[in-house]
Amino acid sequence: MPENPSSLTIAEAAGRFLVDERTVRNWITSNGLPFTGEGKKRRIDWAVALPWYVTYQIGNTGNGRLSAIPDEEVETYEVALARKTRAEADLKELQLARARGEVASIADMERVVSTANLAVQTQLLAIPSQAAPEIIGLTELPAAIRILTGFVEQALTNLATIDDIRDATDAEDDEE
């Protein structure tokens, strides 16, 4: 049992202030939060720390209100209107870029990549059934390798045309 029941560890003080331990340590080193001890034996006297915290918060907000965000700026109507205007302009530019085909949504790209992955999977899984009739009965390994290589090259050629990706893109255009 500590000598002083209001003596808190850094973790306990952080819990009472509703911040993380790093914030309490920063307050100690940079903002003058009173403490005793050194290193891991630092203790904070709650009876002293609470008034310090209130004064610290009032000093950081400048408006006499307590705030969880020390350097909170009050947004004026003009600043909010300018921010809204910029956001609307950004949105319009994004819509125009999408109409020109310069950008795509993440959902659209996920759909295209998923379709392309399915095409790759289908092409690769088809190789054994296509190659089996030609390989069965072969006694020479180089001939079997040549046949398998041909089927793999054919699958890669089919995938290089990107027809499945084009089809997925066309399907997206039809949905809109």
N, C-alpha and C. Protein backbone atom coordinates (compact mmCIF):
# COMPACT_ATOMS: atom_id res chain seq x y z
N MET A 1 0.85 -1.18 0.00
CA MET A 1 0.00 0.00 0.00
C MET A 1 0.89 1.24 0.00
N PRO A 2 0.68 2.15 -0.97
CA PRO A 2 1.51 3.35 -1.00
C PRO A 2 1.26 4.21 0.23
N GLU A 3 2.26 5.01 0.53
CA GLU A 3 2.15 5.91 1.68
C GLU A 3 1.03 6.92 1.48
N ASN A 4 0.90 7.43 0.29
CA ASN A 4 -0.10 8.43 -0.03
C ASN A 4 -1.15 7.77 -0.94
N PRO A 5 -2.40 7.61 -0.49
CA PRO A 5 -3.40 6.92 -1.31
C PRO A 5 -3.74 7.67 -2.61
N SER A 6 -3.43 8.95 -2.69
CA SER A 6 -3.70 9.67 -3.93
C SER A 6 -2.50 9.65 -4.87
N SER A 7 -1.46 8.91 -4.49
CA SER A 7 -0.27 8.78 -5.32
C SER A 7 -0.53 7.73 -6.40
N LEU A 8 -0.42 8.13 -7.66
CA LEU A 8 -0.77 7.25 -8.78
C LEU A 8 0.44 6.92 -9.63
N THR A 9 0.40 5.75 -10.26
CA THR A 9 1.42 5.43 -11.26
C THR A 9 1.05 6.18 -12.54
N ILE A 10 1.96 6.15 -13.50
CA ILE A 10 1.68 6.79 -14.80
C ILE A 10 0.44 6.17 -15.42
N ALA A 11 0.33 4.85 -15.37
CA ALA A 11 -0.82 4.15 -15.95
C ALA A 11 -2.11 4.54 -15.25
N GLU A 12 -2.09 4.62 -13.93
CA GLU A 12 -3.30 5.00 -13.19
C GLU A 12 -3.70 6.44 -13.51
N ALA A 13 -2.72 7.33 -13.59
CA ALA A 13 -3.03 8.72 -13.93
C ALA A 13 -3.60 8.81 -15.34
N ALA A 14 -3.01 8.05 -16.27
CA ALA A 14 -3.53 8.06 -17.64
C ALA A 14 -4.98 7.60 -17.66
N GLY A 15 -5.29 6.60 -16.85
CA GLY A 15 -6.68 6.13 -16.77
C GLY A 15 -7.61 7.20 -16.23
N ARG A 16 -7.18 7.95 -15.26
CA ARG A 16 -8.03 9.00 -14.70
C ARG A 16 -8.18 10.18 -15.65
N PHE A 17 -7.11 10.49 -16.38
CA PHE A 17 -7.17 11.61 -17.35
C PHE A 17 -7.83 11.19 -18.66
N LEU A 18 -8.04 9.87 -18.83
CA LEU A 18 -8.62 9.32 -20.06
C LEU A 18 -7.71 9.58 -21.27
N VAL A 19 -6.42 9.41 -21.07
CA VAL A 19 -5.43 9.54 -22.14
C VAL A 19 -4.50 8.33 -22.04
N ASP A 20 -3.57 8.20 -22.99
CA ASP A 20 -2.63 7.09 -22.89
C ASP A 20 -1.42 7.49 -22.04
N GLU A 21 -0.63 6.50 -21.68
CA GLU A 21 0.52 6.74 -20.80
C GLU A 21 1.53 7.68 -21.45
N ARG A 22 1.70 7.58 -22.76
CA ARG A 22 2.65 8.44 -23.46
C ARG A 22 2.27 9.91 -23.29
N THR A 23 0.97 10.20 -23.33
CA THR A 23 0.52 11.58 -23.14
C THR A 23 0.89 12.08 -21.75
N VAL A 24 0.70 11.25 -20.73
CA VAL A 24 1.06 11.65 -19.36
C VAL A 24 2.57 11.91 -19.28
N ARG A 25 3.35 11.02 -19.89
CA ARG A 25 4.82 11.24 -19.88
C ARG A 25 5.18 12.53 -20.60
N ASN A 26 4.51 12.82 -21.71
CA ASN A 26 4.76 14.08 -22.44
C ASN A 26 4.39 15.29 -21.59
N TRP A 27 3.28 15.19 -20.86
CA TRP A 27 2.89 16.29 -19.98
C TRP A 27 3.94 16.51 -18.91
N ILE A 28 4.52 15.43 -18.41
CA ILE A 28 5.56 15.56 -17.39
C ILE A 28 6.79 16.26 -17.98
N THR A 29 7.26 15.80 -19.15
CA THR A 29 8.50 16.34 -19.71
C THR A 29 8.33 17.69 -20.38
N SER A 30 7.17 17.94 -20.98
CA SER A 30 7.01 19.16 -21.77
C SER A 30 6.07 20.20 -21.19
N ASN A 31 5.17 19.80 -20.30
CA ASN A 31 4.15 20.74 -19.85
C ASN A 31 4.12 20.94 -18.34
N GLY A 32 5.04 20.33 -17.64
CA GLY A 32 5.16 20.60 -16.21
C GLY A 32 4.19 19.88 -15.31
N LEU A 33 3.66 18.73 -15.72
CA LEU A 33 2.80 17.96 -14.81
C LEU A 33 3.64 17.55 -13.61
N PRO A 34 3.23 17.92 -12.40
CA PRO A 34 4.02 17.60 -11.20
C PRO A 34 4.08 16.09 -10.94
N PHE A 35 5.26 15.62 -10.53
CA PHE A 35 5.44 14.20 -10.23
C PHE A 35 6.56 14.06 -9.20
N THR A 36 6.67 12.86 -8.66
CA THR A 36 7.78 12.54 -7.76
C THR A 36 8.41 11.26 -8.27
N GLY A 37 9.64 11.00 -7.87
CA GLY A 37 10.33 9.79 -8.26
C GLY A 37 10.98 9.92 -9.63
N GLU A 38 11.68 8.86 -10.02
CA GLU A 38 12.38 8.85 -11.30
C GLU A 38 12.07 7.56 -12.04
N GLY A 39 12.15 7.63 -13.37
CA GLY A 39 11.98 6.44 -14.21
C GLY A 39 10.66 5.75 -13.97
N LYS A 40 10.75 4.43 -13.74
CA LYS A 40 9.55 3.63 -13.55
C LYS A 40 8.92 3.85 -12.18
N LYS A 41 9.60 4.56 -11.31
CA LYS A 41 9.06 4.84 -9.97
C LYS A 41 8.38 6.20 -9.90
N ARG A 42 8.15 6.82 -11.06
CA ARG A 42 7.44 8.10 -11.04
C ARG A 42 6.05 7.91 -10.47
N ARG A 43 5.63 8.87 -9.66
CA ARG A 43 4.30 8.86 -9.07
C ARG A 43 3.69 10.24 -9.27
N ILE A 44 2.40 10.25 -9.39
CA ILE A 44 1.68 11.51 -9.57
C ILE A 44 0.67 11.63 -8.45
N ASP A 45 0.74 12.75 -7.74
CA ASP A 45 -0.19 13.02 -6.64
C ASP A 45 -1.47 13.58 -7.25
N TRP A 46 -2.55 12.81 -7.18
CA TRP A 46 -3.81 13.21 -7.82
C TRP A 46 -4.32 14.55 -7.29
N ALA A 47 -4.13 14.81 -6.03
CA ALA A 47 -4.60 16.06 -5.44
C ALA A 47 -3.88 17.27 -6.05
N VAL A 48 -2.66 17.08 -6.53
CA VAL A 48 -1.91 18.15 -7.19
C VAL A 48 -2.15 18.12 -8.71
N ALA A 49 -2.27 16.91 -9.26
CA ALA A 49 -2.38 16.76 -10.71
C ALA A 49 -3.71 17.26 -11.25
N LEU A 50 -4.79 17.04 -10.52
CA LEU A 50 -6.09 17.46 -11.02
C LEU A 50 -6.18 18.97 -11.23
N PRO A 51 -5.79 19.81 -10.24
CA PRO A 51 -5.81 21.26 -10.50
C PRO A 51 -4.86 21.65 -11.64
N TRP A 52 -3.70 20.97 -11.72
CA TRP A 52 -2.78 21.25 -12.83
C TRP A 52 -3.47 20.98 -14.16
N TYR A 53 -4.19 19.87 -14.25
CA TYR A 53 -4.87 19.46 -15.49
C TYR A 53 -5.93 20.49 -15.89
N VAL A 54 -6.72 20.94 -14.93
CA VAL A 54 -7.76 21.93 -15.22
C VAL A 54 -7.11 23.21 -15.74
N THR A 55 -6.07 23.68 -15.07
CA THR A 55 -5.36 24.88 -15.50
C THR A 55 -4.75 24.67 -16.88
N TYR A 56 -4.16 23.51 -17.10
CA TYR A 56 -3.54 23.19 -18.39
C TYR A 56 -4.59 23.23 -19.50
N GLN A 57 -5.76 22.62 -19.29
CA GLN A 57 -6.78 22.59 -20.32
C GLN A 57 -7.34 23.99 -20.59
N ILE A 58 -7.58 24.77 -19.56
CA ILE A 58 -8.09 26.12 -19.76
C ILE A 58 -7.06 26.96 -20.52
N GLY A 59 -5.81 26.80 -20.16
CA GLY A 59 -4.74 27.54 -20.86
C GLY A 59 -4.60 27.13 -22.30
N ASN A 60 -4.86 25.87 -22.63
CA ASN A 60 -4.71 25.41 -24.00
C ASN A 60 -5.88 25.76 -24.89
N THR A 61 -7.06 25.93 -24.33
CA THR A 61 -8.21 26.25 -25.17
C THR A 61 -8.39 27.76 -25.31
N GLY A 62 -7.97 28.50 -24.32
CA GLY A 62 -8.08 29.95 -24.39
C GLY A 62 -9.49 30.47 -24.25
N ASN A 63 -10.46 29.59 -24.07
CA ASN A 63 -11.84 30.05 -24.00
C ASN A 63 -12.51 29.67 -22.69
N GLY A 64 -11.73 29.15 -21.73
CA GLY A 64 -12.28 28.82 -20.43
C GLY A 64 -13.04 27.50 -20.40
N ARG A 65 -13.11 26.79 -21.54
CA ARG A 65 -13.79 25.49 -21.57
C ARG A 65 -12.74 24.39 -21.55
N LEU A 66 -13.07 23.29 -20.89
CA LEU A 66 -12.19 22.13 -20.93
C LEU A 66 -12.38 21.45 -22.28
N SER A 67 -11.29 20.95 -22.82
CA SER A 67 -11.35 20.31 -24.11
C SER A 67 -10.44 19.10 -24.13
N ALA A 68 -10.88 18.03 -24.75
CA ALA A 68 -10.03 16.84 -24.88
C ALA A 68 -8.97 17.07 -25.94
N ILE A 69 -9.16 18.05 -26.82
CA ILE A 69 -8.19 18.37 -27.86
C ILE A 69 -7.57 19.70 -27.48
N PRO A 70 -6.31 19.68 -27.01
CA PRO A 70 -5.71 20.89 -26.46
C PRO A 70 -5.68 22.08 -27.41
N ASP A 71 -5.30 21.90 -28.65
CA ASP A 71 -5.14 23.04 -29.56
C ASP A 71 -6.31 23.13 -30.54
N GLU A 72 -7.51 22.90 -30.06
CA GLU A 72 -8.70 22.93 -30.88
C GLU A 72 -8.95 24.34 -31.41
N GLU A 73 -9.17 24.44 -32.73
CA GLU A 73 -9.47 25.74 -33.32
C GLU A 73 -10.97 25.83 -33.54
N VAL A 74 -11.52 27.00 -33.30
CA VAL A 74 -12.93 27.23 -33.54
C VAL A 74 -13.07 27.62 -35.01
N GLU A 75 -13.93 26.89 -35.73
CA GLU A 75 -14.11 27.13 -37.15
C GLU A 75 -15.14 28.23 -37.35
N THR A 76 -14.77 29.23 -38.13
CA THR A 76 -15.70 30.32 -38.43
C THR A 76 -16.58 29.91 -39.60
N TYR A 77 -17.64 30.68 -39.82
CA TYR A 77 -18.54 30.40 -40.93
C TYR A 77 -17.79 30.49 -42.26
N GLU A 78 -16.94 31.50 -42.40
CA GLU A 78 -16.20 31.69 -43.65
C GLU A 78 -15.26 30.52 -43.93
N VAL A 79 -14.58 30.04 -42.87
CA VAL A 79 -13.67 28.90 -43.03
C VAL A 79 -14.46 27.65 -43.40
N ALA A 80 -15.60 27.44 -42.76
CA ALA A 80 -16.43 26.27 -43.06
C ALA A 80 -16.96 26.34 -44.48
N LEU A 81 -17.37 27.52 -44.91
CA LEU A 81 -17.88 27.69 -46.27
C LEU A 81 -16.79 27.44 -47.30
N ALA A 82 -15.58 27.92 -47.04
CA ALA A 82 -14.46 27.69 -47.95
C ALA A 82 -14.13 26.20 -48.02
N ARG A 83 -14.14 25.53 -46.86
CA ARG A 83 -13.87 24.09 -46.83
C ARG A 83 -14.94 23.34 -47.62
N LYS A 84 -16.21 23.73 -47.45
CA LYS A 84 -17.31 23.08 -48.18
C LYS A 84 -17.16 23.30 -49.68
N THR A 85 -16.80 24.51 -50.08
CA THR A 85 -16.62 24.82 -51.50
C THR A 85 -15.49 23.99 -52.10
N ARG A 86 -14.37 23.88 -51.36
CA ARG A 86 -13.26 23.05 -51.84
C ARG A 86 -13.68 21.59 -51.98
N ALA A 87 -14.44 21.09 -50.99
CA ALA A 87 -14.88 19.70 -51.03
C ALA A 87 -15.81 19.45 -52.22
N GLU A 88 -16.71 20.40 -52.49
CA GLU A 88 -17.60 20.26 -53.64
C GLU A 88 -16.82 20.29 -54.96
N ALA A 89 -15.81 21.17 -55.04
CA ALA A 89 -14.98 21.24 -56.25
C ALA A 89 -14.19 19.95 -56.43
N ASP A 90 -13.64 19.42 -55.34
CA ASP A 90 -12.90 18.16 -55.40
C ASP A 90 -13.81 17.02 -55.87
N LEU A 91 -15.03 16.99 -55.35
CA LEU A 91 -15.98 15.96 -55.73
C LEU A 91 -16.32 16.06 -57.22
N LYS A 92 -16.53 17.27 -57.70
CA LYS A 92 -16.85 17.47 -59.13
C LYS A 92 -15.68 17.03 -60.00
N GLU A 93 -14.45 17.36 -59.60
CA GLU A 93 -13.27 16.93 -60.35
C GLU A 93 -13.17 15.41 -60.38
N LEU A 94 -13.46 14.79 -59.26
CA LEU A 94 -13.42 13.33 -59.19
C LEU A 94 -14.48 12.71 -60.11
N GLN A 95 -15.68 13.29 -60.13
CA GLN A 95 -16.73 12.79 -61.00
C GLN A 95 -16.34 12.94 -62.47
N LEU A 96 -15.74 14.06 -62.83
CA LEU A 96 -15.29 14.27 -64.21
C LEU A 96 -14.17 13.30 -64.58
N ALA A 97 -13.23 13.09 -63.68
CA ALA A 97 -12.13 12.15 -63.94
C ALA A 97 -12.67 10.74 -64.11
N ARG A 98 -13.67 10.38 -63.33
CA ARG A 98 -14.26 9.04 -63.47
C ARG A 98 -14.98 8.93 -64.81
N ALA A 99 -15.70 9.98 -65.21
CA ALA A 99 -16.40 9.96 -66.50
C ALA A 99 -15.41 9.82 -67.66
N ARG A 100 -14.23 10.42 -67.51
CA ARG A 100 -13.19 10.31 -68.55
C ARG A 100 -12.44 8.99 -68.48
N GLY A 101 -12.74 8.18 -67.45
CA GLY A 101 -12.06 6.90 -67.30
C GLY A 101 -10.68 7.01 -66.69
N GLU A 102 -10.40 8.11 -66.02
CA GLU A 102 -9.08 8.32 -65.42
C GLU A 102 -8.98 7.74 -64.01
N VAL A 103 -10.10 7.52 -63.34
CA VAL A 103 -10.10 6.94 -62.00
C VAL A 103 -11.23 5.91 -61.92
N ALA A 104 -11.10 5.02 -60.97
CA ALA A 104 -12.13 4.01 -60.74
C ALA A 104 -12.29 3.84 -59.24
N SER A 105 -13.45 3.42 -58.83
CA SER A 105 -13.67 3.21 -57.41
C SER A 105 -13.00 1.92 -56.96
N ILE A 106 -12.77 1.82 -55.69
CA ILE A 106 -12.15 0.61 -55.14
C ILE A 106 -13.06 -0.58 -55.39
N ALA A 107 -14.36 -0.41 -55.24
CA ALA A 107 -15.31 -1.52 -55.46
C ALA A 107 -15.23 -2.00 -56.91
N ASP A 108 -15.14 -1.05 -57.87
CA ASP A 108 -15.01 -1.44 -59.28
C ASP A 108 -13.73 -2.22 -59.51
N MET A 109 -12.63 -1.74 -58.92
CA MET A 109 -11.35 -2.42 -59.10
C MET A 109 -11.36 -3.80 -58.45
N GLU A 110 -11.99 -3.91 -57.29
CA GLU A 110 -12.09 -5.22 -56.64
C GLU A 110 -12.85 -6.20 -57.53
N ARG A 111 -13.91 -5.72 -58.17
CA ARG A 111 -14.70 -6.57 -59.06
C ARG A 111 -13.87 -7.01 -60.27
N VAL A 112 -13.12 -6.08 -60.87
CA VAL A 112 -12.30 -6.40 -62.04
C VAL A 112 -11.19 -7.38 -61.66
N VAL A 113 -10.51 -7.12 -60.54
CA VAL A 113 -9.42 -8.00 -60.12
C VAL A 113 -9.96 -9.38 -59.77
N SER A 114 -11.12 -9.43 -59.13
CA SER A 114 -11.73 -10.71 -58.79
C SER A 114 -12.05 -11.49 -60.06
N THR A 115 -12.59 -10.82 -61.06
CA THR A 115 -12.90 -11.48 -62.33
C THR A 115 -11.63 -11.96 -63.01
N ALA A 116 -10.58 -11.13 -62.99
CA ALA A 116 -9.31 -11.52 -63.59
C ALA A 116 -8.71 -12.72 -62.85
N ASN A 117 -8.77 -12.71 -61.53
CA ASN A 117 -8.26 -13.85 -60.75
C ASN A 117 -9.02 -15.12 -61.08
N LEU A 118 -10.32 -15.01 -61.25
CA LEU A 118 -11.13 -16.17 -61.61
C LEU A 118 -10.72 -16.70 -62.99
N ALA A 119 -10.45 -15.78 -63.91
CA ALA A 119 -10.01 -16.19 -65.25
C ALA A 119 -8.67 -16.93 -65.18
N VAL A 120 -7.74 -16.41 -64.38
CA VAL A 120 -6.44 -17.07 -64.22
C VAL A 120 -6.64 -18.46 -63.62
N GLN A 121 -7.45 -18.53 -62.57
CA GLN A 121 -7.70 -19.81 -61.92
C GLN A 121 -8.31 -20.82 -62.91
N THR A 122 -9.30 -20.37 -63.68
CA THR A 122 -9.96 -21.26 -64.64
C THR A 122 -8.98 -21.76 -65.69
N GLN A 123 -8.15 -20.86 -66.22
CA GLN A 123 -7.17 -21.24 -67.24
C GLN A 123 -6.16 -22.25 -66.68
N LEU A 124 -5.68 -22.00 -65.48
CA LEU A 124 -4.67 -22.89 -64.90
C LEU A 124 -5.26 -24.25 -64.53
N LEU A 125 -6.47 -24.26 -63.99
CA LEU A 125 -7.08 -25.53 -63.62
C LEU A 125 -7.49 -26.36 -64.84
N ALA A 126 -7.63 -25.72 -65.98
CA ALA A 126 -8.01 -26.45 -67.20
C ALA A 126 -6.81 -27.17 -67.82
N ILE A 127 -5.61 -26.78 -67.50
CA ILE A 127 -4.41 -27.36 -68.12
C ILE A 127 -4.33 -28.88 -67.93
N PRO A 128 -4.49 -29.42 -66.73
CA PRO A 128 -4.36 -30.88 -66.58
C PRO A 128 -5.35 -31.67 -67.45
N SER A 129 -6.62 -31.25 -67.47
CA SER A 129 -7.59 -32.00 -68.26
C SER A 129 -7.34 -31.85 -69.76
N GLN A 130 -6.80 -30.73 -70.20
CA GLN A 130 -6.49 -30.55 -71.61
C GLN A 130 -5.24 -31.33 -72.00
N ALA A 131 -4.26 -31.37 -71.10
CA ALA A 131 -2.98 -32.01 -71.42
C ALA A 131 -2.99 -33.51 -71.22
N ALA A 132 -3.85 -34.00 -70.35
CA ALA A 132 -3.83 -35.43 -70.00
C ALA A 132 -3.93 -36.35 -71.23
N PRO A 133 -4.87 -36.14 -72.16
CA PRO A 133 -4.97 -37.06 -73.30
C PRO A 133 -3.68 -37.10 -74.14
N GLU A 134 -2.97 -36.00 -74.19
CA GLU A 134 -1.74 -35.97 -75.00
C GLU A 134 -0.54 -36.53 -74.26
N ILE A 135 -0.58 -36.51 -72.92
CA ILE A 135 0.56 -36.95 -72.13
C ILE A 135 0.48 -38.44 -71.79
N ILE A 136 -0.75 -38.97 -71.65
CA ILE A 136 -0.90 -40.37 -71.26
C ILE A 136 -0.23 -41.25 -72.31
N GLY A 137 0.58 -42.14 -71.82
CA GLY A 137 1.27 -43.08 -72.68
C GLY A 137 2.64 -42.63 -73.12
N LEU A 138 2.99 -41.37 -72.89
CA LEU A 138 4.33 -40.91 -73.25
C LEU A 138 5.36 -41.56 -72.35
N THR A 139 6.48 -41.90 -72.92
CA THR A 139 7.56 -42.50 -72.12
C THR A 139 8.74 -41.56 -71.98
N GLU A 140 8.75 -40.50 -72.76
CA GLU A 140 9.88 -39.56 -72.71
C GLU A 140 9.47 -38.30 -71.96
N LEU A 141 10.22 -37.96 -70.92
CA LEU A 141 9.96 -36.78 -70.11
C LEU A 141 10.03 -35.49 -70.92
N PRO A 142 11.04 -35.30 -71.79
CA PRO A 142 11.09 -34.05 -72.57
C PRO A 142 9.84 -33.81 -73.41
N ALA A 143 9.26 -34.86 -73.94
CA ALA A 143 8.04 -34.69 -74.74
C ALA A 143 6.88 -34.22 -73.85
N ALA A 144 6.77 -34.80 -72.66
CA ALA A 144 5.71 -34.39 -71.73
C ALA A 144 5.90 -32.95 -71.30
N ILE A 145 7.15 -32.57 -71.02
CA ILE A 145 7.44 -31.18 -70.63
C ILE A 145 7.10 -30.23 -71.76
N ARG A 146 7.44 -30.62 -73.01
CA ARG A 146 7.14 -29.78 -74.18
C ARG A 146 5.63 -29.57 -74.31
N ILE A 147 4.85 -30.63 -74.13
CA ILE A 147 3.39 -30.53 -74.24
C ILE A 147 2.83 -29.64 -73.13
N LEU A 148 3.26 -29.87 -71.88
CA LEU A 148 2.79 -29.05 -70.77
C LEU A 148 3.17 -27.59 -70.95
N THR A 149 4.39 -27.34 -71.41
CA THR A 149 4.84 -25.97 -71.67
C THR A 149 3.95 -25.30 -72.71
N GLY A 150 3.58 -26.05 -73.73
CA GLY A 150 2.69 -25.51 -74.77
C GLY A 150 1.34 -25.11 -74.20
N PHE A 151 0.78 -25.96 -73.32
CA PHE A 151 -0.50 -25.62 -72.72
C PHE A 151 -0.39 -24.41 -71.79
N VAL A 152 0.68 -24.33 -71.02
CA VAL A 152 0.88 -23.17 -70.14
C VAL A 152 1.03 -21.90 -70.97
N GLU A 153 1.82 -21.97 -72.05
CA GLU A 153 1.99 -20.80 -72.92
C GLU A 153 0.66 -20.38 -73.54
N GLN A 154 -0.15 -21.36 -73.95
CA GLN A 154 -1.46 -21.05 -74.52
C GLN A 154 -2.35 -20.36 -73.47
N ALA A 155 -2.33 -20.86 -72.24
CA ALA A 155 -3.12 -20.24 -71.18
C ALA A 155 -2.66 -18.81 -70.93
N LEU A 156 -1.34 -18.60 -70.91
CA LEU A 156 -0.82 -17.25 -70.70
C LEU A 156 -1.19 -16.33 -71.86
N THR A 157 -1.17 -16.85 -73.08
CA THR A 157 -1.58 -16.05 -74.24
C THR A 157 -3.04 -15.66 -74.12
N ASN A 158 -3.87 -16.64 -73.72
CA ASN A 158 -5.30 -16.33 -73.53
C ASN A 158 -5.50 -15.25 -72.47
N LEU A 159 -4.72 -15.35 -71.38
CA LEU A 159 -4.86 -14.36 -70.31
C LEU A 159 -4.32 -13.00 -70.73
N ALA A 160 -3.33 -12.98 -71.61
CA ALA A 160 -2.73 -11.72 -72.04
C ALA A 160 -3.69 -10.87 -72.84
N THR A 161 -4.72 -11.47 -73.40
CA THR A 161 -5.68 -10.69 -74.18
C THR A 161 -6.58 -9.86 -73.28
N ILE A 162 -6.64 -10.20 -72.01
CA ILE A 162 -7.41 -9.48 -70.99
C ILE A 162 -8.89 -9.39 -71.36
N ASP A 163 -9.38 -10.37 -72.09
CA ASP A 163 -10.80 -10.35 -72.45
C ASP A 163 -11.70 -10.39 -71.23
N ASP A 164 -11.31 -11.17 -70.24
CA ASP A 164 -12.15 -11.27 -69.04
C ASP A 164 -12.21 -9.95 -68.29
N ILE A 165 -11.09 -9.24 -68.27
CA ILE A 165 -11.09 -7.94 -67.60
C ILE A 165 -11.94 -6.96 -68.39
N ARG A 166 -11.83 -6.99 -69.72
CA ARG A 166 -12.67 -6.12 -70.55
C ARG A 166 -14.15 -6.44 -70.33
N ASP A 167 -14.45 -7.75 -70.26
CA ASP A 167 -15.84 -8.15 -70.03
C ASP A 167 -16.35 -7.62 -68.70
N ALA A 168 -15.52 -7.70 -67.67
CA ALA A 168 -15.90 -7.20 -66.35
C ALA A 168 -16.12 -5.70 -66.40
N THR A 169 -15.25 -4.99 -67.11
CA THR A 169 -15.38 -3.54 -67.23
C THR A 169 -16.65 -3.19 -67.99
N ASP A 170 -16.95 -3.94 -69.06
CA ASP A 170 -18.17 -3.70 -69.82
C ASP A 170 -19.40 -3.96 -68.96
N ALA A 171 -19.34 -4.99 -68.11
CA ALA A 171 -20.48 -5.30 -67.24
C ALA A 171 -20.70 -4.17 -66.25
N GLU A 172 -19.60 -3.55 -65.77
CA GLU A 172 -19.74 -2.41 -64.86
C GLU A 172 -20.42 -1.25 -65.56
N ASP A 173 -20.03 -1.00 -66.81
CA ASP A 173 -20.62 0.11 -67.57
C ASP A 173 -22.11 -0.14 -67.78
N ASP A 174 -22.49 -1.41 -68.01
CA ASP A 174 -23.89 -1.74 -68.20
C ASP A 174 -24.71 -1.50 -66.94
N GLU A 175 -24.08 -1.72 -65.75
CA GLU A 175 -24.76 -1.53 -64.47
C GLU A 175 -25.09 -0.07 -64.22
N GLU A 176 -24.26 0.83 -64.74
CA GLU A 176 -24.45 2.26 -64.46
C GLU A 176 -25.49 2.85 -65.33
